[in-house]
Protein backbone atom coordinates (compact mmCIF):
# COMPACT_ATOMS: atom_id res chain seq x y z
CA UNK A 1 77.99 101.24 101.22
CA UNK A 2 81.46 101.23 102.72
CA UNK A 3 80.82 104.69 104.19
CA UNK A 4 78.62 103.01 106.82
CA UNK A 5 81.61 101.14 108.25
CA UNK A 6 84.12 103.64 109.71
CA UNK A 7 86.91 101.08 110.04
CA UNK A 8 86.68 100.20 106.36
CA UNK A 9 86.64 103.89 105.42
CA UNK A 10 89.75 104.41 107.56
CA UNK A 11 91.58 101.52 105.89
CA UNK A 12 90.62 102.58 102.37
CA UNK A 13 91.60 106.19 103.09
CA UNK A 14 95.00 105.12 104.42
CA UNK A 15 95.57 102.98 101.33
CA UNK A 16 94.66 105.83 98.96
CA UNK A 17 97.01 108.19 100.78
CA UNK A 18 99.76 105.59 100.55
CA UNK A 19 99.29 105.17 96.81
CA UNK A 20 99.37 108.95 96.45
CA UNK A 21 102.60 109.15 98.45
CA UNK A 22 104.14 106.49 96.20
CA UNK A 23 102.86 108.20 93.02
CA UNK A 24 101.58 104.77 92.08
CA UNK A 25 99.29 106.22 89.40
CA UNK A 26 101.15 109.22 87.99
CA UNK A 27 104.59 107.60 87.79
CA UNK A 28 103.84 104.76 85.31
CA UNK A 29 101.68 107.07 83.21
CA UNK A 30 104.47 109.64 82.96
CA UNK A 31 107.14 107.07 82.11
CA UNK A 32 104.95 105.43 79.45
CA UNK A 33 104.17 108.85 77.96
CA UNK A 34 107.86 109.67 77.73
CA UNK A 35 108.53 106.23 76.23
CA UNK A 36 106.00 106.88 73.45
CA UNK A 37 107.67 110.21 72.68
CA UNK A 38 111.05 108.45 72.59
CA UNK A 39 109.67 106.43 69.68
CA UNK A 40 109.27 109.67 67.76
CA UNK A 41 112.86 110.68 68.49
CA UNK A 42 114.22 107.41 67.09
CA UNK A 43 113.03 108.39 63.63
CA UNK A 44 110.47 107.19 61.15
CA UNK A 45 112.11 103.91 60.08
CA UNK A 46 111.59 102.13 63.39
CA UNK A 47 111.41 98.63 61.99
CA UNK A 48 114.37 98.89 59.66
CA UNK A 49 118.06 98.19 60.10
CA UNK A 50 119.79 98.75 63.41
CA UNK A 51 116.95 100.74 64.94
CA UNK A 52 114.80 97.69 65.57
CA UNK A 53 116.78 96.69 68.66
CA UNK A 54 116.11 100.16 70.07
CA UNK A 55 112.43 99.64 69.38
CA UNK A 56 112.18 96.36 71.28
CA UNK A 57 114.03 97.82 74.26
CA UNK A 58 111.63 100.75 74.74
CA UNK A 59 108.93 98.89 76.75
CA UNK A 60 111.55 97.05 78.81
CA UNK A 61 113.40 100.28 79.57
CA UNK A 62 110.13 102.03 80.43
CA UNK A 63 109.03 99.57 83.11
CA UNK A 64 112.58 99.20 84.41
CA UNK A 65 112.74 102.99 84.76
CA UNK A 66 109.37 102.94 86.54
CA UNK A 67 110.63 100.46 89.12
CA UNK A 68 113.98 102.22 89.60
CA UNK A 69 112.26 105.58 90.07
CA UNK A 70 109.76 104.09 92.54
CA UNK A 71 112.65 102.56 94.48
CA UNK A 72 114.53 105.87 94.46
CA UNK A 73 111.45 107.63 95.89
CA UNK A 74 111.38 105.16 98.77
CA UNK A 75 113.93 107.00 100.92
CA UNK A 76 112.63 110.58 100.61
CA UNK A 77 109.01 109.49 101.05
CA UNK A 78 109.58 106.86 103.72
CA UNK A 79 107.20 104.54 101.85
CA UNK A 80 108.14 101.31 100.10
CA UNK A 81 107.80 100.41 96.45
CA UNK A 82 104.73 98.27 96.99
CA UNK A 83 103.51 95.23 95.08
CA UNK A 84 101.91 96.97 92.12
CA UNK A 85 103.38 94.55 89.61
CA UNK A 86 106.26 96.56 88.14
CA UNK A 87 108.24 93.34 87.95
CA UNK A 88 105.39 91.56 86.18
CA UNK A 89 105.09 94.37 83.62
CA UNK A 90 108.87 94.33 83.13
CA UNK A 91 109.03 90.57 82.57
CA UNK A 92 105.99 90.64 80.29
CA UNK A 93 107.46 93.40 78.13
CA UNK A 94 110.82 91.58 77.99
CA UNK A 95 109.15 88.33 76.89
CA UNK A 96 107.25 90.14 74.15
CA UNK A 97 110.29 92.10 73.01
CA UNK A 98 112.80 89.27 72.87
CA UNK A 99 110.73 86.13 72.32
CA UNK A 100 107.77 87.44 70.33
CA UNK A 101 109.01 90.57 68.51
CA UNK A 102 106.42 90.00 65.79
CA UNK A 103 103.84 91.25 68.30
CA UNK A 104 105.55 94.65 68.19
CA UNK A 105 105.36 94.60 64.40
CA UNK A 106 101.68 93.72 64.47
CA UNK A 107 100.48 95.94 67.31
CA UNK A 108 103.11 98.65 67.82
CA UNK A 109 105.27 99.43 70.83
CA UNK A 110 102.60 101.53 72.62
CA UNK A 111 100.44 98.39 72.70
CA UNK A 112 102.95 96.68 75.02
CA UNK A 113 103.20 99.82 77.15
CA UNK A 114 99.41 99.90 77.40
CA UNK A 115 99.37 96.21 78.30
CA UNK A 116 101.74 96.96 81.15
CA UNK A 117 99.48 99.73 82.40
CA UNK A 118 96.53 97.33 82.32
CA UNK A 119 98.52 94.85 84.41
CA UNK A 120 99.41 97.55 86.94
CA UNK A 121 95.86 98.85 87.05
CA UNK A 122 94.22 95.46 87.51
CA UNK A 123 96.71 94.39 90.16
CA UNK A 124 96.11 97.58 92.16
CA UNK A 125 92.37 97.80 91.37
CA UNK A 126 93.07 101.21 89.83
CA UNK A 127 90.49 101.91 87.13
CA UNK A 128 92.28 105.06 85.97
CA UNK A 129 95.41 103.06 85.14
CA UNK A 130 93.83 100.10 83.38
CA UNK A 131 91.48 102.32 81.36
CA UNK A 132 94.49 104.41 80.27
CA UNK A 133 96.20 101.17 79.32
CA UNK A 134 93.27 99.99 77.22
CA UNK A 135 93.09 103.36 75.46
CA UNK A 136 96.83 103.16 74.74
CA UNK A 137 96.50 99.65 73.32
CA UNK A 138 93.59 100.69 71.10
CA UNK A 139 95.43 103.78 69.89
CA UNK A 140 98.51 101.70 69.08
CA UNK A 141 96.50 99.30 66.94
CA UNK A 142 94.93 102.25 65.14
CA UNK A 143 98.34 103.78 64.48
CA UNK A 144 99.66 100.51 63.05
CA UNK A 145 96.62 100.32 60.76
CA UNK A 146 97.21 103.88 59.58
CA UNK A 147 100.92 103.30 58.96
CA UNK A 148 100.14 100.46 56.57
CA UNK A 149 98.08 102.63 54.25
CA UNK A 150 101.01 104.40 52.56
CA UNK A 151 101.23 107.97 51.33
CA UNK A 152 100.34 110.63 53.87
CA UNK A 153 99.76 107.90 56.47
CA UNK A 154 103.35 108.23 57.74
CA UNK A 155 102.63 111.81 58.76
CA UNK A 156 99.39 110.76 60.44
CA UNK A 157 101.25 108.00 62.24
CA UNK A 158 103.86 110.46 63.48
CA UNK A 159 101.27 112.99 64.63
CA UNK A 160 99.19 110.28 66.24
CA UNK A 161 102.17 108.90 68.15
CA UNK A 162 103.06 112.37 69.44
CA UNK A 163 99.44 112.93 70.44
CA UNK A 164 99.35 109.63 72.30
CA UNK A 165 102.54 110.42 74.20
CA UNK A 166 101.26 113.87 75.15
CA UNK A 167 97.91 112.41 76.19
CA UNK A 168 99.64 109.99 78.56
CA UNK A 169 101.70 112.82 80.02
CA UNK A 170 98.52 114.88 80.45
CA UNK A 171 96.90 111.93 82.23
CA UNK A 172 99.98 111.72 84.46
CA UNK A 173 99.61 115.39 85.37
CA UNK A 174 95.93 114.89 86.20
CA UNK A 175 96.89 111.89 88.35
CA UNK A 176 99.67 113.86 90.06
CA UNK A 177 97.26 116.66 90.89
CA UNK A 178 94.85 114.15 92.39
CA UNK A 179 97.64 112.58 94.44
CA UNK A 180 98.66 115.96 95.83
CA UNK A 181 95.06 116.77 96.72
CA UNK A 182 94.70 113.43 98.47
CA UNK A 183 97.81 114.05 100.55
CA UNK A 184 96.89 117.66 101.30
CA UNK A 185 93.33 116.90 102.35
CA UNK A 186 92.39 116.93 106.01
CA UNK A 187 91.21 113.38 105.32
CA UNK A 188 88.32 113.26 107.81
CA UNK A 189 89.44 109.78 108.87
CA UNK A 190 92.13 110.66 111.39
CA UNK A 191 92.65 108.39 114.35
CA UNK A 192 90.08 108.57 117.12
CA UNK A 193 92.13 106.28 119.34
CA UNK A 194 90.42 102.96 118.60
CA UNK A 195 93.24 100.35 118.67
CA UNK A 196 91.51 97.90 116.32
CA UNK A 197 90.82 100.56 113.69
CA UNK A 198 94.32 102.01 114.06
CA UNK A 199 95.84 98.55 113.62
CA UNK A 200 93.81 98.18 110.43
CA UNK A 201 95.06 101.56 109.19
CA UNK A 202 98.67 100.47 109.71
CA UNK A 203 98.09 97.17 107.94
CA UNK A 204 96.37 98.99 105.05
CA UNK A 205 99.38 101.26 104.55
CA UNK A 206 101.88 98.42 104.77
CA UNK A 207 99.71 96.17 102.63
CA UNK A 208 99.96 98.69 99.82
CA UNK A 209 103.57 99.82 100.30
CA UNK A 210 105.14 96.63 101.72
CA UNK A 211 107.08 98.76 104.19
CA UNK A 212 107.16 102.27 105.65
CA UNK A 213 109.12 104.14 108.28
CA UNK A 214 107.41 105.45 111.41
CA UNK A 215 107.09 109.14 110.37
CA UNK A 216 105.45 108.08 107.11
CA UNK A 217 103.12 105.70 108.94
CA UNK A 218 102.09 108.46 111.32
CA UNK A 219 101.50 110.84 108.43
CA UNK A 220 99.49 108.41 106.33
CA UNK A 221 97.41 106.88 109.12
CA UNK A 222 96.79 109.98 111.19
CA UNK A 223 98.01 108.19 114.31
CA UNK A 224 100.21 110.13 116.70
CA UNK A 225 103.71 108.68 116.85
CA UNK A 226 103.33 107.96 120.57
CA UNK A 227 100.27 105.79 119.92
CA UNK A 228 101.75 104.41 116.72
CA UNK A 229 104.59 102.82 118.68
CA UNK A 230 102.04 100.90 120.73
CA UNK A 231 100.18 99.79 117.62
CA UNK A 232 103.39 98.57 115.99
CA UNK A 233 104.32 96.72 119.16
CA UNK A 234 100.98 94.90 119.18
CA UNK A 235 101.20 94.05 115.48
CA UNK A 236 104.78 92.83 115.84
CA UNK A 237 103.85 90.65 118.82
CA UNK A 238 101.07 89.15 116.69
CA UNK A 239 103.58 88.46 113.87
CA UNK A 240 101.58 90.68 111.51
CA UNK A 241 104.40 93.22 111.14
CA UNK A 242 108.16 92.83 111.14
CA UNK A 243 110.42 95.61 112.45
CA UNK A 244 113.57 96.45 110.49
CA UNK A 245 116.04 98.95 111.89
CA UNK A 246 118.54 100.71 109.66
CA UNK A 247 121.15 103.31 110.48
CA UNK A 248 118.78 106.26 110.37
CA UNK A 249 115.25 104.81 110.38
CA UNK A 250 112.91 102.31 111.91
CA UNK A 251 110.98 100.50 109.21
CA UNK A 252 107.88 98.36 109.55
CA UNK A 253 107.26 95.58 107.03
CA UNK A 254 104.05 93.61 106.65
CA UNK A 255 104.34 89.83 106.93
CA UNK A 256 102.45 87.12 105.07
CA UNK A 257 100.26 86.69 108.13
CA UNK A 258 99.66 90.43 108.15
CA UNK A 259 98.45 90.37 104.55
CA UNK A 260 96.11 87.52 105.33
CA UNK A 261 94.76 89.37 108.38
CA UNK A 262 94.24 92.51 106.30
CA UNK A 263 92.38 90.57 103.63
CA UNK A 264 90.22 88.75 106.19
CA UNK A 265 89.28 91.91 108.07
CA UNK A 266 88.48 93.80 104.88
CA UNK A 267 86.23 91.01 103.65
CA UNK A 268 84.46 90.91 107.01
CA UNK A 269 83.93 94.67 107.00
CA UNK A 270 82.66 94.61 103.42
CA UNK A 271 80.20 91.94 104.49
CA UNK A 272 78.96 94.21 107.26
CA UNK A 273 78.69 97.07 104.80
CA UNK A 274 76.66 94.99 102.34
CA UNK A 275 74.38 93.81 105.17
CA UNK A 276 73.72 97.40 106.25
CA UNK A 277 73.13 98.46 102.68
CA UNK A 278 70.53 95.71 102.23
């Protein structure tokens, strides 16, 4: 088990704290939940007349809003947007909406939102996200089936859509609570002054967030800022991290070599963990 390798525990803990600081789980869930409720506000005749163009824009607007919000949070949090795949989800939803709109007719708009959540969850290895996405996709297909039955089905469709939107918002609140608990926890994996482990912590944070300023790095890694400066110097000298200085902050960005080093070291540590487990 990974718990037998302290360096791997330290890296994984730093990554989880970084994802919590970025609201990488709660943010897309909340936006998708609001997007589903927007469908209700557009009225019952979604596929008729001039409202159809509003329908196809909902998934695109949702993932665009997710990225914009994540980017806006970058300055107050000191943590970058990361590589969670917001752009992939945005492009995918745009392709479906504008090139294959019949998919929306056949599966429903929440299906595309759920597909985006699956993409984000798989890319970040976040089971909570991709399971929520699969549930959303399944619910969307069920709602489309119900809406084709006629009669009282329109009411069931409306109620079901509202329930799905509220369920996603509830999941976002659960995720937000978990993120706050993660950030508030003492962590138990604070720096003990080992340079190699501390370097791995820094790479783990930057590998998830792409970039972070020094106060955020100190907060998320548990490394004192005095020692953090030395770690950043070593990583920069090794071309694993690139320093970027703005008017008010010193940012650290991970390089391609840094990502490769992070991946290599994680694989090596997992191998040690599996050997100990056996």
